[in-house]
Amino acid sequence: MKIALRTTGIMSDYLPAGSVRARCALELAPGASFADLVALLAIPANELYVVSINEQLIADPLPHALAEGDSVIIMAPLAAG
């Protein structure tokens, strides 16, 4: 299944080679979860991020099942000082 992935900030470091403007299309196995996407991108377990899938923030994204055509945004958290 194909998904559209966009990242912000430091999360762009985990995108595959060839990604343009912090965006890419990825092919995942049917039934893949967000955790499968994290593994594919090799995002470390201690990395902090915020996730939006189809324009909805997901509080606990790892077990979330992805579907064909999903639009996923992985955002670096904002910090204020």
N, C-alpha and C. Protein backbone atom coordinates (compact mmCIF):
# COMPACT_ATOMS: atom_id res chain seq x y z
N MET A 1 0.85 -1.17 0.00
CA MET A 1 0.00 0.00 0.00
C MET A 1 0.88 1.23 0.00
N LYS A 2 0.40 2.29 -0.60
CA LYS A 2 1.15 3.53 -0.70
C LYS A 2 0.63 4.55 0.30
N ILE A 3 1.58 5.26 0.96
CA ILE A 3 1.22 6.38 1.82
C ILE A 3 2.06 7.59 1.42
N ALA A 4 1.57 8.76 1.78
CA ALA A 4 2.32 10.00 1.58
C ALA A 4 2.89 10.40 2.94
N LEU A 5 4.18 10.68 2.99
CA LEU A 5 4.84 11.04 4.24
C LEU A 5 5.45 12.42 4.12
N ARG A 6 5.23 13.21 5.16
CA ARG A 6 5.86 14.54 5.25
C ARG A 6 6.44 14.66 6.65
N THR A 7 7.54 15.36 6.78
CA THR A 7 8.18 15.55 8.07
C THR A 7 8.48 17.02 8.29
N THR A 8 8.73 17.38 9.55
CA THR A 8 9.16 18.74 9.86
C THR A 8 10.41 18.66 10.74
N GLY A 9 11.18 19.73 10.70
CA GLY A 9 12.35 19.84 11.56
C GLY A 9 13.31 18.68 11.43
N ILE A 10 13.84 18.28 12.57
CA ILE A 10 14.85 17.22 12.61
C ILE A 10 14.32 15.87 12.13
N MET A 11 13.02 15.69 12.12
CA MET A 11 12.45 14.43 11.66
C MET A 11 12.76 14.17 10.18
N SER A 12 13.08 15.23 9.46
CA SER A 12 13.44 15.07 8.04
C SER A 12 14.73 14.28 7.86
N ASP A 13 15.54 14.20 8.91
CA ASP A 13 16.78 13.42 8.85
C ASP A 13 16.51 11.94 8.62
N TYR A 14 15.31 11.48 8.93
CA TYR A 14 14.98 10.06 8.82
C TYR A 14 14.34 9.68 7.49
N LEU A 15 14.11 10.64 6.63
CA LEU A 15 13.49 10.34 5.33
C LEU A 15 14.47 9.58 4.44
N PRO A 16 13.94 8.74 3.55
CA PRO A 16 14.81 8.02 2.64
C PRO A 16 15.49 8.95 1.64
N ALA A 17 16.61 8.51 1.13
CA ALA A 17 17.31 9.28 0.09
C ALA A 17 16.36 9.52 -1.08
N GLY A 18 16.48 10.69 -1.67
CA GLY A 18 15.63 11.02 -2.80
C GLY A 18 14.37 11.77 -2.41
N SER A 19 14.13 11.92 -1.13
CA SER A 19 12.95 12.68 -0.68
C SER A 19 13.15 14.14 -1.06
N VAL A 20 12.05 14.79 -1.43
CA VAL A 20 12.12 16.17 -1.88
C VAL A 20 11.26 17.04 -0.98
N ARG A 21 11.86 18.12 -0.48
CA ARG A 21 11.14 19.09 0.35
C ARG A 21 10.43 18.43 1.53
N ALA A 22 11.15 17.52 2.20
CA ALA A 22 10.67 16.82 3.40
C ALA A 22 9.42 16.00 3.13
N ARG A 23 9.28 15.49 1.89
CA ARG A 23 8.13 14.68 1.51
C ARG A 23 8.59 13.49 0.68
N CYS A 24 7.80 12.40 0.80
CA CYS A 24 8.05 11.25 -0.06
C CYS A 24 6.80 10.36 -0.06
N ALA A 25 6.76 9.49 -1.04
CA ALA A 25 5.73 8.45 -1.09
C ALA A 25 6.42 7.16 -0.72
N LEU A 26 5.78 6.37 0.12
CA LEU A 26 6.37 5.10 0.55
C LEU A 26 5.41 3.96 0.27
N GLU A 27 5.98 2.84 -0.05
CA GLU A 27 5.22 1.60 -0.24
C GLU A 27 5.41 0.75 1.01
N LEU A 28 4.31 0.42 1.67
CA LEU A 28 4.33 -0.40 2.87
C LEU A 28 3.53 -1.68 2.63
N ALA A 29 3.80 -2.68 3.42
CA ALA A 29 3.04 -3.93 3.32
C ALA A 29 1.60 -3.68 3.75
N PRO A 30 0.65 -4.35 3.14
CA PRO A 30 -0.74 -4.21 3.58
C PRO A 30 -0.85 -4.55 5.07
N GLY A 31 -1.62 -3.75 5.79
CA GLY A 31 -1.80 -3.97 7.22
C GLY A 31 -0.70 -3.38 8.09
N ALA A 32 0.21 -2.63 7.49
CA ALA A 32 1.30 -2.03 8.25
C ALA A 32 0.76 -1.03 9.27
N SER A 33 1.47 -0.92 10.38
CA SER A 33 1.11 0.04 11.41
C SER A 33 2.11 1.20 11.38
N PHE A 34 1.82 2.23 12.17
CA PHE A 34 2.77 3.33 12.28
C PHE A 34 4.10 2.82 12.84
N ALA A 35 4.06 1.85 13.74
CA ALA A 35 5.29 1.27 14.28
C ALA A 35 6.15 0.66 13.16
N ASP A 36 5.51 0.06 12.16
CA ASP A 36 6.25 -0.48 11.01
C ASP A 36 6.93 0.65 10.23
N LEU A 37 6.25 1.78 10.12
CA LEU A 37 6.83 2.94 9.44
C LEU A 37 8.03 3.46 10.22
N VAL A 38 7.91 3.55 11.54
CA VAL A 38 9.01 4.01 12.39
C VAL A 38 10.22 3.08 12.21
N ALA A 39 9.97 1.78 12.17
CA ALA A 39 11.06 0.81 11.97
C ALA A 39 11.71 0.99 10.60
N LEU A 40 10.90 1.17 9.57
CA LEU A 40 11.41 1.36 8.22
C LEU A 40 12.30 2.60 8.14
N LEU A 41 11.90 3.66 8.82
CA LEU A 41 12.66 4.91 8.79
C LEU A 41 13.83 4.92 9.78
N ALA A 42 13.92 3.88 10.62
CA ALA A 42 14.97 3.76 11.63
C ALA A 42 14.96 4.94 12.61
N ILE A 43 13.77 5.33 13.03
CA ILE A 43 13.63 6.39 14.03
C ILE A 43 13.90 5.75 15.40
N PRO A 44 14.87 6.28 16.16
CA PRO A 44 15.19 5.69 17.46
C PRO A 44 13.99 5.74 18.42
N ALA A 45 13.92 4.74 19.29
CA ALA A 45 12.81 4.63 20.25
C ALA A 45 12.73 5.83 21.19
N ASN A 46 13.85 6.49 21.45
CA ASN A 46 13.84 7.63 22.38
C ASN A 46 13.57 8.97 21.69
N GLU A 47 13.37 8.95 20.39
CA GLU A 47 13.10 10.20 19.63
C GLU A 47 11.67 10.67 19.94
N LEU A 48 11.53 11.97 20.16
CA LEU A 48 10.22 12.56 20.41
C LEU A 48 9.65 13.13 19.12
N TYR A 49 8.35 12.93 18.91
CA TYR A 49 7.69 13.47 17.72
C TYR A 49 6.19 13.52 17.95
N VAL A 50 5.52 14.27 17.10
CA VAL A 50 4.07 14.38 17.10
C VAL A 50 3.61 13.86 15.75
N VAL A 51 2.48 13.13 15.73
CA VAL A 51 2.04 12.48 14.50
C VAL A 51 0.62 12.92 14.13
N SER A 52 0.46 13.22 12.86
CA SER A 52 -0.85 13.50 12.29
C SER A 52 -1.06 12.51 11.14
N ILE A 53 -2.23 11.86 11.16
CA ILE A 53 -2.59 10.97 10.06
C ILE A 53 -3.91 11.45 9.50
N ASN A 54 -3.89 11.79 8.22
CA ASN A 54 -5.08 12.33 7.55
C ASN A 54 -5.64 13.54 8.30
N GLU A 55 -4.72 14.42 8.71
CA GLU A 55 -5.04 15.70 9.35
C GLU A 55 -5.65 15.55 10.75
N GLN A 56 -5.41 14.42 11.41
CA GLN A 56 -5.86 14.23 12.78
C GLN A 56 -4.66 13.84 13.64
N LEU A 57 -4.47 14.57 14.74
CA LEU A 57 -3.38 14.23 15.66
C LEU A 57 -3.69 12.88 16.30
N ILE A 58 -2.66 12.05 16.40
CA ILE A 58 -2.80 10.70 16.96
C ILE A 58 -2.03 10.65 18.27
N ALA A 59 -2.74 10.44 19.38
CA ALA A 59 -2.12 10.46 20.70
C ALA A 59 -1.16 9.29 20.91
N ASP A 60 -1.52 8.11 20.45
CA ASP A 60 -0.69 6.91 20.61
C ASP A 60 -0.49 6.30 19.23
N PRO A 61 0.45 6.84 18.45
CA PRO A 61 0.53 6.46 17.04
C PRO A 61 1.09 5.07 16.75
N LEU A 62 1.95 4.52 17.60
CA LEU A 62 2.65 3.28 17.25
C LEU A 62 1.71 2.14 16.84
N PRO A 63 0.62 1.86 17.56
CA PRO A 63 -0.23 0.75 17.14
C PRO A 63 -1.23 1.11 16.03
N HIS A 64 -1.25 2.37 15.62
CA HIS A 64 -2.23 2.83 14.64
C HIS A 64 -2.02 2.13 13.29
N ALA A 65 -3.06 1.49 12.78
CA ALA A 65 -2.99 0.82 11.48
C ALA A 65 -3.06 1.86 10.36
N LEU A 66 -2.19 1.73 9.40
CA LEU A 66 -2.19 2.62 8.25
C LEU A 66 -3.00 1.99 7.12
N ALA A 67 -3.48 2.84 6.22
CA ALA A 67 -4.29 2.37 5.10
C ALA A 67 -3.80 3.01 3.81
N GLU A 68 -4.12 2.37 2.70
CA GLU A 68 -3.78 2.89 1.37
C GLU A 68 -4.18 4.36 1.26
N GLY A 69 -3.23 5.19 0.83
CA GLY A 69 -3.52 6.60 0.59
C GLY A 69 -3.43 7.49 1.80
N ASP A 70 -3.08 6.95 2.97
CA ASP A 70 -2.98 7.79 4.16
C ASP A 70 -1.92 8.87 3.96
N SER A 71 -2.18 10.01 4.55
CA SER A 71 -1.25 11.12 4.58
C SER A 71 -0.71 11.23 6.01
N VAL A 72 0.59 10.96 6.17
CA VAL A 72 1.21 10.93 7.49
C VAL A 72 2.19 12.08 7.61
N ILE A 73 2.09 12.80 8.73
CA ILE A 73 3.05 13.87 9.02
C ILE A 73 3.71 13.53 10.35
N ILE A 74 5.03 13.49 10.34
CA ILE A 74 5.79 13.29 11.57
C ILE A 74 6.49 14.61 11.86
N MET A 75 6.09 15.21 12.98
CA MET A 75 6.58 16.55 13.32
C MET A 75 7.52 16.53 14.51
N ALA A 76 8.55 17.33 14.42
CA ALA A 76 9.42 17.52 15.57
C ALA A 76 8.64 18.33 16.59
N PRO A 77 8.76 18.00 17.90
CA PRO A 77 8.02 18.76 18.90
C PRO A 77 8.54 20.19 18.99
N LEU A 78 7.66 21.08 19.34
CA LEU A 78 8.03 22.48 19.52
C LEU A 78 8.46 22.69 20.97
N ALA A 79 9.43 23.56 21.16
CA ALA A 79 9.88 23.89 22.50
C ALA A 79 9.96 25.41 22.62
N ALA A 80 9.55 25.89 23.74
CA ALA A 80 9.63 27.34 23.99
C ALA A 80 10.46 27.57 25.23
N GLY A 81 11.12 28.66 25.26
CA GLY A 81 12.00 28.90 26.40
C GLY A 81 11.78 30.16 27.00
